[in-house]
Structures are given as C-alpha cells and as structure tokens.
C-alpha cells in the first residue's frame, strides 16, 4: 500500500456531548481533524475525481458524529 494521506482539518459542528449535565443541555462547538491513509496511485494516474476520496463525504460523516446522539466521550 502506498503511504499517502488525505487530511481534513478543523471540521466544526455544534453538539451536546459530555459527562456533565450542562454540556448536554447547553452544547458546545466540537472540532475534529481526520487523517485517512489511502493509496492514491490510481487517482494520481487517472486524474479522475471518481477514483479518490470525496472530501465532502468525509466532512458529512464526521459532522453526523459530532451533531449526533450525545456521547460521554468523543475521543
């Protein structure tokens, strides 16, 4: 496997996670960085966006986690 990385940084969303009741009532902004280890050989050769990772899809998955049902921990 190639040693290529796709990084999406500073994904921000409002959520209601935490251990304390105040965190779950008031909510807060959460920020996440995502690193994906992928083989980018094919998209580099084809120059076809369909062969690589869609950054919008990555953002939406993380956003759903951050805005989803409350969790005690998000580590």
PDB file of N, CA and C in Angstrom:
ATOM      1  N   UNK A   1       0.839  -1.188   0.000  1.00  0.00           N
ATOM      2  CA  UNK A   1       0.000   0.000   0.000  1.00  0.00           C
ATOM      3  C   UNK A   1       0.878   1.243   0.000  1.00  0.00           C
ATOM      4  N   UNK A   2       0.431   2.216  -0.703  1.00  0.00           N
ATOM      5  CA  UNK A   2       1.117   3.499  -0.761  1.00  0.00           C
ATOM      6  C   UNK A   2       1.020   4.200   0.594  1.00  0.00           C
ATOM      7  N   UNK A   3       1.934   5.093   0.851  1.00  0.00           N
ATOM      8  CA  UNK A   3       1.927   5.833   2.112  1.00  0.00           C
ATOM      9  C   UNK A   3       1.366   7.236   1.891  1.00  0.00           C
ATOM     10  N   UNK A   4       0.179   7.304   1.302  1.00  0.00           N
ATOM     11  CA  UNK A   4      -0.471   8.582   1.030  1.00  0.00           C
ATOM     12  C   UNK A   4      -1.491   8.879   2.122  1.00  0.00           C
ATOM     13  N   UNK A   5      -1.692  10.159   2.362  1.00  0.00           N
ATOM     14  CA  UNK A   5      -2.637  10.586   3.386  1.00  0.00           C
ATOM     15  C   UNK A   5      -3.551  11.667   2.826  1.00  0.00           C
ATOM     16  N   UNK A   6      -4.797  11.608   3.225  1.00  0.00           N
ATOM     17  CA  UNK A   6      -5.735  12.702   2.995  1.00  0.00           C
ATOM     18  C   UNK A   6      -6.095  13.223   4.377  1.00  0.00           C
ATOM     19  N   UNK A   7      -5.925  14.510   4.564  1.00  0.00           N
ATOM     20  CA  UNK A   7      -6.219  15.127   5.857  1.00  0.00           C
ATOM     21  C   UNK A   7      -7.303  16.186   5.677  1.00  0.00           C
ATOM     22  N   UNK A   8      -8.310  16.099   6.522  1.00  0.00           N
ATOM     23  CA  UNK A   8      -9.362  17.111   6.560  1.00  0.00           C
ATOM     24  C   UNK A   8      -9.317  17.676   7.973  1.00  0.00           C
ATOM     25  N   UNK A   9      -9.017  18.947   8.076  1.00  0.00           N
ATOM     26  CA  UNK A   9      -8.787  19.556   9.394  1.00  0.00           C
ATOM     27  C   UNK A   9      -9.875  20.569   9.745  1.00  0.00           C
ATOM     28  N   UNK A  10     -10.020  20.716  11.051  1.00  0.00           N
ATOM     29  CA  UNK A  10     -10.906  21.740  11.631  1.00  0.00           C
ATOM     30  C   UNK A  10     -12.361  21.605  11.180  1.00  0.00           C
ATOM     31  N   UNK A  11     -12.869  20.380  11.215  1.00  0.00           N
ATOM     32  CA  UNK A  11     -14.292  20.167  10.970  1.00  0.00           C
ATOM     33  C   UNK A  11     -15.006  20.581  12.250  1.00  0.00           C
ATOM     34  N   UNK A  12     -15.864  21.572  12.151  1.00  0.00           N
ATOM     35  CA  UNK A  12     -16.522  22.120  13.340  1.00  0.00           C
ATOM     36  C   UNK A  12     -18.027  21.899  13.257  1.00  0.00           C
ATOM     37  N   UNK A  13     -18.608  21.520  14.411  1.00  0.00           N
ATOM     38  CA  UNK A  13     -20.055  21.323  14.480  1.00  0.00           C
ATOM     39  C   UNK A  13     -20.504  21.468  15.929  1.00  0.00           C
ATOM     40  N   UNK A  14     -21.751  21.837  16.106  1.00  0.00           N
ATOM     41  CA  UNK A  14     -22.318  22.029  17.438  1.00  0.00           C
ATOM     42  C   UNK A  14     -22.949  20.723  17.898  1.00  0.00           C
ATOM     43  N   UNK A  15     -22.581  20.303  19.112  1.00  0.00           N
ATOM     44  CA  UNK A  15     -23.117  19.058  19.644  1.00  0.00           C
ATOM     45  C   UNK A  15     -23.388  19.151  21.131  1.00  0.00           C
ATOM     46  N   UNK A  16     -23.972  18.091  21.669  1.00  0.00           N
ATOM     47  CA  UNK A  16     -24.397  18.054  23.072  1.00  0.00           C
ATOM     48  C   UNK A  16     -23.769  16.869  23.794  1.00  0.00           C
ATOM     49  N   UNK A  17     -22.471  16.725  23.670  1.00  0.00           N
ATOM     50  CA  UNK A  17     -21.748  15.604  24.256  1.00  0.00           C
ATOM     51  C   UNK A  17     -21.068  16.024  25.548  1.00  0.00           C
ATOM     52  N   UNK A  18     -20.790  15.038  26.393  1.00  0.00           N
ATOM     53  CA  UNK A  18     -20.046  15.298  27.613  1.00  0.00           C
ATOM     54  C   UNK A  18     -20.617  14.550  28.793  1.00  0.00           C
ATOM     55  N   UNK A  19     -19.873  14.568  29.858  1.00  0.00           N
ATOM     56  CA  UNK A  19     -20.264  13.860  31.073  1.00  0.00           C
ATOM     57  C   UNK A  19     -21.187  14.713  31.938  1.00  0.00           C
ATOM     58  N   UNK A  20     -20.953  16.011  31.941  1.00  0.00           N
ATOM     59  CA  UNK A  20     -21.702  16.899  32.830  1.00  0.00           C
ATOM     60  C   UNK A  20     -23.039  17.310  32.214  1.00  0.00           C
ATOM     61  N   UNK A  21     -24.083  17.426  33.046  1.00  0.00           N
ATOM     62  CA  UNK A  21     -25.409  17.804  32.535  1.00  0.00           C
ATOM     63  C   UNK A  21     -25.394  19.113  31.741  1.00  0.00           C
ATOM     64  N   UNK A  22     -24.582  20.074  32.184  1.00  0.00           N
ATOM     65  CA  UNK A  22     -24.524  21.365  31.499  1.00  0.00           C
ATOM     66  C   UNK A  22     -24.068  21.210  30.046  1.00  0.00           C
ATOM     67  N   UNK A  23     -23.136  20.294  29.808  1.00  0.00           N
ATOM     68  CA  UNK A  23     -22.641  20.067  28.448  1.00  0.00           C
ATOM     69  C   UNK A  23     -23.750  19.535  27.546  1.00  0.00           C
ATOM     70  N   UNK A  24     -24.596  18.707  28.108  1.00  0.00           N
ATOM     71  CA  UNK A  24     -25.670  18.097  27.326  1.00  0.00           C
ATOM     72  C   UNK A  24     -26.864  19.034  27.159  1.00  0.00           C
ATOM     73  N   UNK A  25     -26.988  20.014  28.036  1.00  0.00           N
ATOM     74  CA  UNK A  25     -28.089  20.981  27.934  1.00  0.00           C
ATOM     75  C   UNK A  25     -27.697  22.156  27.037  1.00  0.00           C
ATOM     76  N   UNK A  26     -26.532  22.739  27.303  1.00  0.00           N
ATOM     77  CA  UNK A  26     -26.098  23.933  26.575  1.00  0.00           C
ATOM     78  C   UNK A  26     -25.426  23.610  25.246  1.00  0.00           C
ATOM     79  N   UNK A  27     -24.744  22.493  25.189  1.00  0.00           N
ATOM     80  CA  UNK A  27     -23.999  22.131  23.991  1.00  0.00           C
ATOM     81  C   UNK A  27     -22.746  22.969  23.847  1.00  0.00           C
ATOM     82  N   UNK A  28     -21.971  22.643  22.828  1.00  0.00           N
ATOM     83  CA  UNK A  28     -20.735  23.367  22.559  1.00  0.00           C
ATOM     84  C   UNK A  28     -20.241  23.030  21.159  1.00  0.00           C
ATOM     85  N   UNK A  29     -19.296  23.815  20.687  1.00  0.00           N
ATOM     86  CA  UNK A  29     -18.696  23.554  19.381  1.00  0.00           C
ATOM     87  C   UNK A  29     -17.601  22.508  19.552  1.00  0.00           C
ATOM     88  N   UNK A  30     -17.643  21.492  18.712  1.00  0.00           N
ATOM     89  CA  UNK A  30     -16.612  20.463  18.679  1.00  0.00           C
ATOM     90  C   UNK A  30     -15.822  20.621  17.388  1.00  0.00           C
ATOM     91  N   UNK A  31     -14.546  20.290  17.460  1.00  0.00           N
ATOM     92  CA  UNK A  31     -13.676  20.380  16.288  1.00  0.00           C
ATOM     93  C   UNK A  31     -12.930  19.065  16.132  1.00  0.00           C
ATOM     94  N   UNK A  32     -12.862  18.570  14.903  1.00  0.00           N
ATOM     95  CA  UNK A  32     -12.195  17.293  14.641  1.00  0.00           C
ATOM     96  C   UNK A  32     -11.255  17.426  13.449  1.00  0.00           C
ATOM     97  N   UNK A  33     -10.149  16.703  13.527  1.00  0.00           N
ATOM     98  CA  UNK A  33      -9.223  16.535  12.412  1.00  0.00           C
ATOM     99  C   UNK A  33      -9.279  15.067  12.009  1.00  0.00           C
ATOM    100  N   UNK A  34      -9.287  14.802  10.708  1.00  0.00           N
ATOM    101  CA  UNK A  34      -9.366  13.435  10.207  1.00  0.00           C
ATOM    102  C   UNK A  34      -8.161  13.167   9.322  1.00  0.00           C
ATOM    103  N   UNK A  35      -7.533  12.013   9.532  1.00  0.00           N
ATOM    104  CA  UNK A  35      -6.431  11.574   8.677  1.00  0.00           C
ATOM    105  C   UNK A  35      -6.786  10.206   8.115  1.00  0.00           C
ATOM    106  N   UNK A  36      -6.785  10.098   6.796  1.00  0.00           N
ATOM    107  CA  UNK A  36      -7.096   8.843   6.120  1.00  0.00           C
ATOM    108  C   UNK A  36      -5.853   8.365   5.379  1.00  0.00           C
ATOM    109  N   UNK A  37      -5.411   7.165   5.690  1.00  0.00           N
ATOM    110  CA  UNK A  37      -4.286   6.585   4.952  1.00  0.00           C
ATOM    111  C   UNK A  37      -4.873   5.815   3.773  1.00  0.00           C
ATOM    112  N   UNK A  38      -4.543   6.258   2.585  1.00  0.00           N
ATOM    113  CA  UNK A  38      -5.129   5.688   1.370  1.00  0.00           C
ATOM    114  C   UNK A  38      -4.060   5.525   0.301  1.00  0.00           C
ATOM    115  N   UNK A  39      -4.354   4.689  -0.650  1.00  0.00           N
ATOM    116  CA  UNK A  39      -3.478   4.524  -1.803  1.00  0.00           C
ATOM    117  C   UNK A  39      -3.983   5.452  -2.905  1.00  0.00           C
ATOM    118  N   UNK A  40      -3.217   6.478  -3.204  1.00  0.00           N
ATOM    119  CA  UNK A  40      -3.629   7.467  -4.205  1.00  0.00           C
ATOM    120  C   UNK A  40      -2.964   7.238  -5.561  1.00  0.00           C
ATOM    121  N   UNK A  41      -2.412   6.054  -5.765  1.00  0.00           N
ATOM    122  CA  UNK A  41      -1.753   5.757  -7.035  1.00  0.00           C
ATOM    123  C   UNK A  41      -2.722   5.879  -8.207  1.00  0.00           C
ATOM    124  N   UNK A  42      -3.869   5.239  -8.083  1.00  0.00           N
ATOM    125  CA  UNK A  42      -4.843   5.252  -9.189  1.00  0.00           C
ATOM    126  C   UNK A  42      -5.357   6.659  -9.500  1.00  0.00           C
ATOM    127  N   UNK A  43      -5.830   7.426  -8.500  1.00  0.00           N
ATOM    128  CA  UNK A  43      -6.296   8.773  -8.847  1.00  0.00           C
ATOM    129  C   UNK A  43      -5.183   9.673  -9.382  1.00  0.00           C
ATOM    130  N   UNK A  44      -3.955   9.461  -8.926  1.00  0.00           N
ATOM    131  CA  UNK A  44      -2.844  10.272  -9.436  1.00  0.00           C
ATOM    132  C   UNK A  44      -2.601   9.990 -10.916  1.00  0.00           C
ATOM    133  N   UNK A  45      -2.806   8.745 -11.323  1.00  0.00           N
ATOM    134  CA  UNK A  45      -2.594   8.374 -12.725  1.00  0.00           C
ATOM    135  C   UNK A  45      -3.782   8.747 -13.607  1.00  0.00           C
ATOM    136  N   UNK A  46      -4.991   8.571 -13.078  1.00  0.00           N
ATOM    137  CA  UNK A  46      -6.188   8.784 -13.904  1.00  0.00           C
ATOM    138  C   UNK A  46      -6.637  10.243 -13.942  1.00  0.00           C
ATOM    139  N   UNK A  47      -6.333  11.002 -12.889  1.00  0.00           N
ATOM    140  CA  UNK A  47      -6.810  12.378 -12.744  1.00  0.00           C
ATOM    141  C   UNK A  47      -8.338  12.433 -12.762  1.00  0.00           C
ATOM    142  N   UNK A  48      -8.967  11.343 -12.291  1.00  0.00           N
ATOM    143  CA  UNK A  48     -10.425  11.238 -12.268  1.00  0.00           C
ATOM    144  C   UNK A  48     -10.907  11.351 -10.821  1.00  0.00           C
ATOM    145  N   UNK A  49     -11.711  12.359 -10.502  1.00  0.00           N
ATOM    146  CA  UNK A  49     -12.207  12.517  -9.130  1.00  0.00           C
ATOM    147  C   UNK A  49     -12.961  11.293  -8.603  1.00  0.00           C
ATOM    148  N   UNK A  50     -13.546  10.508  -9.484  1.00  0.00           N
ATOM    149  CA  UNK A  50     -14.279   9.314  -9.054  1.00  0.00           C
ATOM    150  C   UNK A  50     -13.353   8.256  -8.452  1.00  0.00           C
ATOM    151  N   UNK A  51     -12.044   8.363  -8.689  1.00  0.00           N
ATOM    152  CA  UNK A  51     -11.084   7.381  -8.188  1.00  0.00           C
ATOM    153  C   UNK A  51     -10.517   7.728  -6.814  1.00  0.00           C
ATOM    154  N   UNK A  52     -10.928   8.832  -6.245  1.00  0.00           N
ATOM    155  CA  UNK A  52     -10.346   9.243  -4.968  1.00  0.00           C
ATOM    156  C   UNK A  52     -11.425   9.445  -3.915  1.00  0.00           C
ATOM    157  N   UNK A  53     -11.032   9.929  -2.765  1.00  0.00           N
ATOM    158  CA  UNK A  53     -11.937  10.169  -1.644  1.00  0.00           C
ATOM    159  C   UNK A  53     -12.618  11.522  -1.831  1.00  0.00           C
ATOM    160  N   UNK A  54     -13.921  11.554  -1.624  1.00  0.00           N
ATOM    161  CA  UNK A  54     -14.681  12.796  -1.711  1.00  0.00           C
ATOM    162  C   UNK A  54     -14.615  13.498  -0.352  1.00  0.00           C
ATOM    163  N   UNK A  55     -13.989  14.659  -0.308  1.00  0.00           N
ATOM    164  CA  UNK A  55     -13.826  15.401   0.940  1.00  0.00           C
ATOM    165  C   UNK A  55     -15.177  15.761   1.558  1.00  0.00           C
ATOM    166  N   UNK A  56     -16.163  16.017   0.726  1.00  0.00           N
ATOM    167  CA  UNK A  56     -17.498  16.354   1.230  1.00  0.00           C
ATOM    168  C   UNK A  56     -18.088  15.166   1.987  1.00  0.00           C
ATOM    169  N   UNK A  57     -17.894  13.955   1.475  1.00  0.00           N
ATOM    170  CA  UNK A  57     -18.381  12.761   2.175  1.00  0.00           C
ATOM    171  C   UNK A  57     -17.697  12.604   3.530  1.00  0.00           C
ATOM    172  N   UNK A  58     -16.390  12.831   3.578  1.00  0.00           N
ATOM    173  CA  UNK A  58     -15.650  12.748   4.842  1.00  0.00           C
ATOM    174  C   UNK A  58     -16.220  13.761   5.828  1.00  0.00           C
ATOM    175  N   UNK A  59     -16.403  14.987   5.378  1.00  0.00           N
ATOM    176  CA  UNK A  59     -16.944  16.041   6.233  1.00  0.00           C
ATOM    177  C   UNK A  59     -18.318  15.648   6.777  1.00  0.00           C
ATOM    178  N   UNK A  60     -19.180  15.133   5.915  1.00  0.00           N
ATOM    179  CA  UNK A  60     -20.546  14.787   6.337  1.00  0.00           C
ATOM    180  C   UNK A  60     -20.567  13.662   7.369  1.00  0.00           C
ATOM    181  N   UNK A  61     -19.710  12.664   7.213  1.00  0.00           N
ATOM    182  CA  UNK A  61     -19.652  11.564   8.187  1.00  0.00           C
ATOM    183  C   UNK A  61     -19.228  12.096   9.556  1.00  0.00           C
ATOM    184  N   UNK A  62     -18.190  12.924   9.582  1.00  0.00           N
ATOM    185  CA  UNK A  62     -17.707  13.479  10.850  1.00  0.00           C
ATOM    186  C   UNK A  62     -18.753  14.419  11.448  1.00  0.00           C
ATOM    187  N   UNK A  63     -19.376  15.225  10.624  1.00  0.00           N
ATOM    188  CA  UNK A  63     -20.409  16.141  11.108  1.00  0.00           C
ATOM    189  C   UNK A  63     -21.563  15.369  11.758  1.00  0.00           C
ATOM    190  N   UNK A  64     -21.962  14.243  11.158  1.00  0.00           N
ATOM    191  CA  UNK A  64     -23.031  13.423  11.750  1.00  0.00           C
ATOM    192  C   UNK A  64     -22.630  12.898  13.125  1.00  0.00           C
ATOM    193  N   UNK A  65     -21.363  12.529  13.281  1.00  0.00           N
ATOM    194  CA  UNK A  65     -20.895  12.064  14.593  1.00  0.00           C
ATOM    195  C   UNK A  65     -20.906  13.193  15.620  1.00  0.00           C
ATOM    196  N   UNK A  66     -20.460  14.371  15.204  1.00  0.00           N
ATOM    197  CA  UNK A  66     -20.380  15.498  16.136  1.00  0.00           C
ATOM    198  C   UNK A  66     -21.747  16.050  16.513  1.00  0.00           C
ATOM    199  N   UNK A  67     -22.709  15.976  15.613  1.00  0.00           N
ATOM    200  CA  UNK A  67     -24.041  16.524  15.887  1.00  0.00           C
ATOM    201  C   UNK A  67     -25.036  15.444  16.294  1.00  0.00           C
ATOM    202  N   UNK A  68     -24.600  14.201  16.303  1.00  0.00           N
ATOM    203  CA  UNK A  68     -25.486  13.075  16.577  1.00  0.00           C
ATOM    204  C   UNK A  68     -25.850  12.921  18.042  1.00  0.00           C
ATOM    205  N   UNK A  69     -26.397  11.759  18.375  1.00  0.00           N
ATOM    206  CA  UNK A  69     -26.827  11.498  19.751  1.00  0.00           C
ATOM    207  C   UNK A  69     -25.692  11.739  20.748  1.00  0.00           C
ATOM    208  N   UNK A  70     -26.014  12.330  21.896  1.00  0.00           N
ATOM    209  CA  UNK A  70     -24.986  12.646  22.893  1.00  0.00           C
ATOM    210  C   UNK A  70     -24.193  11.419  23.343  1.00  0.00           C
ATOM    211  N   UNK A  71     -22.894  11.626  23.482  1.00  0.00           N
ATOM    212  CA  UNK A  71     -21.973  10.612  23.988  1.00  0.00           C
ATOM    213  C   UNK A  71     -21.219  11.210  25.171  1.00  0.00           C
ATOM    214  N   UNK A  72     -20.790  10.367  26.091  1.00  0.00           N
ATOM    215  CA  UNK A  72     -19.964  10.863  27.195  1.00  0.00           C
ATOM    216  C   UNK A  72     -18.600  11.314  26.689  1.00  0.00           C
ATOM    217  N   UNK A  73     -18.000  10.521  25.802  1.00  0.00           N
ATOM    218  CA  UNK A  73     -16.654  10.796  25.292  1.00  0.00           C
ATOM    219  C   UNK A  73     -16.652  10.747  23.773  1.00  0.00           C
ATOM    220  N   UNK A  74     -15.824  11.587  23.153  1.00  0.00           N
ATOM    221  CA  UNK A  74     -15.673  11.586  21.695  1.00  0.00           C
ATOM    222  C   UNK A  74     -14.237  11.282  21.275  1.00  0.00           C
ATOM    223  N   UNK A  75     -13.405  10.803  22.171  1.00  0.00           N
ATOM    224  CA  UNK A  75     -12.007  10.539  21.851  1.00  0.00           C
ATOM    225  C   UNK A  75     -11.875   9.521  20.749  1.00  0.00           C
TER     226      UNK A  75
END
